[in-house]
């Protein structure tokens, strides 16, 4: 009888040990999955519910301000200024110069000769500065940030959001431009003005964010200024909503964000430069008139 009781007790003990082992195994598997997804260090991680924002903050703190992610693409001798530059200097000493932040959610988007939208951002920086505007171009490598943190391309706006938030926290910005290029045919994205080819522009608004109306009003004013000066240089404003569409584009972070598609994959970089040369003074005109 004593032997039988001892056997039952041993059986219960074995069952408890197995349950404990399974719980520990499940716990480790969950931690491993979260590490692979969010790069949270396994040894330091303590599982808690509703901690996604904490994971996001860890990602930002661990990589976003790391100097190794500075992009060295642009060199002054790579891009030559166009001799037909159009400049409109706004000399208003009593008013502080406006500040623009230019970033590229898709930094590797390229034109026909391999130059990228980041190169276009540097050209725009130069032209805007010529129009008495302070400019900050995002030089940190968003693509490398995504790779390091295992963020897929489809979540690019999730990644660039950290940079936009960082810029907004550190600067008093009058305008934020997310600079892209479209993927369309050459004819649809090119216009000739006085015998010169220009890359057309297109504005994109996320119709599912809280700043939708304000961002649309801002974009519409800039679009009208451009088209009033250069008819059909802009392809207009497209509002994106619905299934399989971002619908936000980080425009919920500020009512001063515009998403600008500059040319397309078939545009030459010279055409892109020509367009930047036209629109930069007009953006300056809008900023000074609204101050």
Protein backbone atom coordinates (compact mmCIF):
# COMPACT_ATOMS: atom_id res chain seq x y z
CA UNK A 1 0.00 0.00 0.00
CA UNK A 2 2.83 2.38 0.87
CA UNK A 3 4.52 1.49 -2.40
CA UNK A 4 1.33 2.25 -4.32
CA UNK A 5 0.93 5.66 -2.63
CA UNK A 6 4.55 6.46 -3.35
CA UNK A 7 4.02 5.60 -7.01
CA UNK A 8 1.03 7.97 -7.32
CA UNK A 9 2.97 10.75 -5.64
CA UNK A 10 5.87 10.23 -8.03
CA UNK A 11 3.45 10.30 -10.98
CA UNK A 12 1.97 13.62 -9.83
CA UNK A 13 5.47 15.00 -9.38
CA UNK A 14 6.43 13.99 -12.92
CA UNK A 15 3.28 15.62 -14.34
CA UNK A 16 4.01 18.87 -12.48
CA UNK A 17 7.62 18.85 -13.74
CA UNK A 18 6.40 18.34 -17.32
CA UNK A 19 3.94 21.25 -17.01
CA UNK A 20 6.63 23.52 -15.61
CA UNK A 21 8.97 22.49 -18.43
CA UNK A 22 6.28 23.24 -21.03
CA UNK A 23 5.55 26.65 -19.50
CA UNK A 24 9.25 27.56 -19.52
CA UNK A 25 9.59 26.32 -23.10
CA UNK A 26 6.58 28.40 -24.25
CA UNK A 27 7.98 31.43 -22.44
CA UNK A 28 11.33 31.06 -24.19
CA UNK A 29 9.68 30.60 -27.57
CA UNK A 30 7.64 33.78 -27.07
CA UNK A 31 10.77 35.70 -26.11
CA UNK A 32 12.63 34.36 -29.13
CA UNK A 33 9.79 35.38 -31.46
CA UNK A 34 9.71 38.87 -30.00
CA UNK A 35 13.47 39.14 -30.32
CA UNK A 36 13.35 38.15 -33.99
CA UNK A 37 10.49 40.58 -34.63
CA UNK A 38 11.49 43.60 -32.54
CA UNK A 39 15.18 42.93 -31.73
CA UNK A 40 14.48 43.01 -27.97
CA UNK A 41 17.48 41.46 -26.15
CA UNK A 42 16.40 38.06 -24.82
CA UNK A 43 18.42 38.17 -21.61
CA UNK A 44 17.10 41.58 -20.61
CA UNK A 45 13.52 41.07 -21.72
CA UNK A 46 10.70 40.59 -19.22
CA UNK A 47 7.38 39.67 -20.83
CA UNK A 48 4.56 42.11 -20.16
CA UNK A 49 1.32 42.79 -21.99
CA UNK A 50 0.66 46.01 -23.96
CA UNK A 51 4.34 46.92 -24.26
CA UNK A 52 4.53 47.53 -28.02
CA UNK A 53 5.31 51.24 -27.58
CA UNK A 54 8.13 50.30 -25.22
CA UNK A 55 9.56 47.97 -27.86
CA UNK A 56 9.32 50.76 -30.42
CA UNK A 57 11.14 53.14 -28.10
CA UNK A 58 13.87 50.57 -27.59
CA UNK A 59 14.33 50.29 -31.36
CA UNK A 60 14.62 54.07 -31.69
CA UNK A 61 16.96 54.54 -28.74
CA UNK A 62 19.24 51.72 -29.87
CA UNK A 63 19.64 52.71 -33.51
CA UNK A 64 18.06 55.96 -34.72
CA UNK A 65 20.76 58.29 -33.40
CA UNK A 66 23.70 56.01 -34.13
CA UNK A 67 26.27 57.90 -36.27
CA UNK A 68 26.96 54.85 -38.45
CA UNK A 69 23.63 55.43 -40.17
CA UNK A 70 24.62 58.76 -41.67
CA UNK A 71 24.32 58.65 -45.45
CA UNK A 72 27.38 59.82 -47.44
CA UNK A 73 25.73 59.67 -50.89
CA UNK A 74 25.86 63.29 -51.90
CA UNK A 75 28.99 65.15 -52.98
CA UNK A 76 29.00 68.66 -54.35
CA UNK A 77 30.69 67.63 -57.59
CA UNK A 78 28.12 64.94 -58.35
CA UNK A 79 25.31 67.37 -59.04
CA UNK A 80 25.96 70.55 -60.95
CA UNK A 81 23.76 73.58 -60.58
CA UNK A 82 21.62 74.43 -63.59
CA UNK A 83 22.65 77.71 -65.19
CA UNK A 84 18.98 78.61 -65.64
CA UNK A 85 18.32 78.71 -61.91
CA UNK A 86 15.27 80.69 -60.91
CA UNK A 87 15.69 82.39 -57.57
CA UNK A 88 13.40 84.60 -55.58
CA UNK A 89 15.15 86.03 -52.55
CA UNK A 90 12.84 86.90 -49.68
CA UNK A 91 14.64 89.47 -47.58
CA UNK A 92 12.51 90.06 -44.52
CA UNK A 93 14.84 90.77 -41.68
CA UNK A 94 11.99 91.28 -39.24
CA UNK A 95 10.75 87.73 -39.80
CA UNK A 96 12.65 84.61 -38.80
CA UNK A 97 13.44 82.41 -41.78
CA UNK A 98 11.06 79.46 -42.20
CA UNK A 99 12.45 75.95 -41.73
CA UNK A 100 11.70 72.93 -43.92
CA UNK A 101 12.46 69.30 -43.08
CA UNK A 102 12.93 67.07 -46.13
CA UNK A 103 13.00 63.30 -45.75
CA UNK A 104 12.56 60.26 -47.97
CA UNK A 105 10.53 57.36 -46.62
CA UNK A 106 11.82 55.38 -49.61
CA UNK A 107 15.40 56.65 -49.79
CA UNK A 108 16.50 54.19 -52.49
CA UNK A 109 13.87 55.19 -55.07
CA UNK A 110 15.93 55.94 -58.18
CA UNK A 111 15.60 57.80 -61.46
CA UNK A 112 16.65 56.59 -64.90
CA UNK A 113 20.37 57.23 -64.33
CA UNK A 114 20.55 55.77 -60.82
CA UNK A 115 20.37 59.05 -58.90
CA UNK A 116 17.90 58.78 -56.03
CA UNK A 117 15.22 60.82 -54.33
CA UNK A 118 17.75 61.50 -51.59
CA UNK A 119 19.96 63.21 -54.18
CA UNK A 120 16.89 65.19 -55.23
CA UNK A 121 16.40 66.21 -51.58
CA UNK A 122 19.92 67.65 -51.50
CA UNK A 123 19.30 69.62 -54.69
CA UNK A 124 16.06 70.96 -53.22
CA UNK A 125 17.94 71.91 -50.06
CA UNK A 126 20.37 74.01 -52.09
CA UNK A 127 17.61 75.76 -54.07
CA UNK A 128 15.49 76.48 -50.99
CA UNK A 129 18.47 77.91 -49.13
CA UNK A 130 19.00 80.22 -52.11
CA UNK A 131 15.49 81.49 -51.36
CA UNK A 132 16.32 82.38 -47.75
CA UNK A 133 14.85 79.22 -46.20
CA UNK A 134 16.50 77.02 -43.60
CA UNK A 135 16.48 73.36 -44.64
CA UNK A 136 17.13 70.12 -42.80
CA UNK A 137 17.60 67.03 -44.97
CA UNK A 138 17.31 63.64 -43.29
CA UNK A 139 20.75 62.08 -43.80
CA UNK A 140 20.32 59.06 -41.57
CA UNK A 141 19.89 55.77 -43.40
CA UNK A 142 16.25 54.71 -42.99
CA UNK A 143 16.84 51.60 -45.13
CA UNK A 144 19.66 50.43 -42.86
CA UNK A 145 17.51 51.24 -39.83
CA UNK A 146 14.81 48.95 -41.25
CA UNK A 147 17.28 46.17 -41.99
CA UNK A 148 18.82 46.35 -38.52
CA UNK A 149 15.42 46.22 -36.86
CA UNK A 150 13.96 43.59 -39.19
CA UNK A 151 11.27 45.95 -40.56
CA UNK A 152 9.92 44.93 -43.97
CA UNK A 153 9.62 47.35 -46.91
CA UNK A 154 5.83 47.39 -46.59
CA UNK A 155 6.29 49.03 -43.17
CA UNK A 156 8.54 51.83 -44.47
CA UNK A 157 6.22 54.55 -43.12
CA UNK A 158 6.33 52.87 -39.72
CA UNK A 159 10.13 53.28 -39.86
CA UNK A 160 10.24 56.85 -41.19
CA UNK A 161 7.75 57.86 -38.49
CA UNK A 162 10.53 57.69 -35.89
CA UNK A 163 12.62 60.18 -37.87
CA UNK A 164 9.69 62.56 -38.36
CA UNK A 165 8.91 62.47 -34.64
CA UNK A 166 12.56 63.07 -33.83
CA UNK A 167 12.69 66.07 -36.19
CA UNK A 168 9.47 67.55 -34.79
CA UNK A 169 10.73 67.23 -31.23
CA UNK A 170 14.05 68.92 -31.96
CA UNK A 171 13.02 71.67 -34.40
CA UNK A 172 10.39 74.33 -34.98
CA UNK A 173 9.31 73.29 -38.50
CA UNK A 174 7.14 75.26 -40.90
CA UNK A 175 6.88 72.50 -43.49
CA UNK A 176 7.78 68.82 -43.80
CA UNK A 177 8.24 67.24 -47.24
CA UNK A 178 8.31 63.48 -47.75
CA UNK A 179 9.98 63.37 -51.17
CA UNK A 180 9.28 60.40 -53.46
CA UNK A 181 9.22 59.57 -57.14
CA UNK A 182 6.31 57.88 -58.89
CA UNK A 183 6.42 54.62 -60.85
CA UNK A 184 4.71 55.44 -64.12
CA UNK A 185 5.45 55.96 -67.80
CA UNK A 186 7.63 58.79 -69.06
CA UNK A 187 4.85 60.55 -70.98
CA UNK A 188 2.58 60.82 -67.95
CA UNK A 189 5.33 62.33 -65.82
CA UNK A 190 7.03 64.76 -68.24
CA UNK A 191 6.07 68.22 -69.47
CA UNK A 192 7.86 70.59 -71.83
CA UNK A 193 7.93 74.30 -71.01
CA UNK A 194 9.65 76.68 -73.45
CA UNK A 195 11.47 73.78 -75.05
CA UNK A 196 12.79 72.37 -71.76
CA UNK A 197 11.70 69.03 -70.25
CA UNK A 198 10.50 68.97 -66.65
CA UNK A 199 9.48 66.11 -64.37
CA UNK A 200 5.86 66.51 -63.33
CA UNK A 201 4.90 66.44 -59.66
CA UNK A 202 2.04 64.78 -57.82
CA UNK A 203 0.82 65.35 -54.26
CA UNK A 204 -0.48 62.45 -52.16
CA UNK A 205 -2.78 62.83 -49.14
CA UNK A 206 -3.68 60.07 -46.72
CA UNK A 207 -7.42 60.39 -46.30
CA UNK A 208 -7.53 58.33 -43.11
CA UNK A 209 -5.61 60.53 -40.70
CA UNK A 210 -6.80 63.11 -38.19
CA UNK A 211 -5.02 65.96 -39.98
CA UNK A 212 -6.56 65.12 -43.34
CA UNK A 213 -8.42 68.41 -43.82
CA UNK A 214 -5.53 70.63 -42.71
CA UNK A 215 -3.00 68.74 -44.81
CA UNK A 216 -5.27 68.88 -47.82
CA UNK A 217 -5.76 72.64 -47.40
CA UNK A 218 -1.99 73.16 -47.16
CA UNK A 219 -1.25 70.92 -50.15
CA UNK A 220 -3.98 72.50 -52.24
CA UNK A 221 -2.56 76.01 -51.66
CA UNK A 222 0.93 74.95 -52.76
CA UNK A 223 -0.47 73.01 -55.72
CA UNK A 224 -2.48 76.04 -56.87
CA UNK A 225 0.53 78.36 -56.60
CA UNK A 226 2.57 75.98 -58.77
CA UNK A 227 -0.12 75.42 -61.40
CA UNK A 228 -1.00 79.11 -61.59
CA UNK A 229 2.62 79.80 -62.48
CA UNK A 230 3.34 76.69 -64.56
CA UNK A 231 0.16 75.12 -65.95
CA UNK A 232 0.09 71.31 -65.76
CA UNK A 233 3.48 71.02 -64.09
CA UNK A 234 1.53 69.42 -61.25
CA UNK A 235 -0.57 66.33 -61.91
CA UNK A 236 -2.73 67.39 -58.98
CA UNK A 237 -3.57 65.88 -55.61
CA UNK A 238 -4.52 62.26 -55.05
CA UNK A 239 -6.27 61.21 -51.84
CA UNK A 240 -5.65 57.61 -50.83
CA UNK A 241 -8.01 55.59 -48.67
CA UNK A 242 -9.38 52.06 -48.44
CA UNK A 243 -8.14 48.50 -48.37
CA UNK A 244 -4.44 47.80 -49.07
CA UNK A 245 -3.70 51.54 -48.90
CA UNK A 246 -1.66 53.24 -46.18
CA UNK A 247 -4.18 56.07 -45.80
CA UNK A 248 -2.03 57.95 -43.27
CA UNK A 249 1.56 58.38 -44.59
CA UNK A 250 2.59 59.79 -41.18
CA UNK A 251 0.50 62.90 -41.90
CA UNK A 252 -1.21 62.33 -38.57
CA UNK A 253 2.00 63.53 -36.89
CA UNK A 254 1.64 67.12 -38.14
CA UNK A 255 -0.72 69.28 -40.17
CA UNK A 256 2.31 70.63 -42.05
CA UNK A 257 3.37 67.46 -43.88
CA UNK A 258 3.16 67.07 -47.65
CA UNK A 259 4.01 63.96 -49.66
CA UNK A 260 5.50 65.00 -52.98
CA UNK A 261 6.03 62.60 -55.90
CA UNK A 262 8.73 64.23 -58.04
CA UNK A 263 8.98 62.67 -61.50
CA UNK A 264 9.02 58.91 -62.02
CA UNK A 265 11.43 56.01 -62.43
CA UNK A 266 11.79 56.95 -66.11
CA UNK A 267 12.59 60.62 -65.45
CA UNK A 268 16.12 61.86 -66.01
CA UNK A 269 17.76 63.57 -63.08
CA UNK A 270 18.19 66.71 -65.20
CA UNK A 271 14.39 66.87 -65.58
CA UNK A 272 14.05 66.48 -61.82
CA UNK A 273 16.55 69.28 -61.22
CA UNK A 274 14.70 71.52 -63.67
CA UNK A 275 11.45 71.02 -61.73
CA UNK A 276 13.09 71.64 -58.37
CA UNK A 277 14.45 74.85 -59.83
CA UNK A 278 10.89 75.99 -60.67
CA UNK A 279 9.03 74.95 -57.53
CA UNK A 280 11.56 75.95 -54.84
CA UNK A 281 10.90 79.72 -55.13
CA UNK A 282 7.16 79.01 -55.13
CA UNK A 283 7.39 76.98 -51.92
CA UNK A 284 9.36 79.88 -50.46
CA UNK A 285 6.67 82.28 -51.65
CA UNK A 286 3.98 80.24 -49.88
CA UNK A 287 5.94 80.04 -46.62
CA UNK A 288 6.68 83.76 -46.46
CA UNK A 289 3.14 84.75 -47.38
CA UNK A 290 1.67 82.58 -44.62
CA UNK A 291 3.96 83.77 -41.83
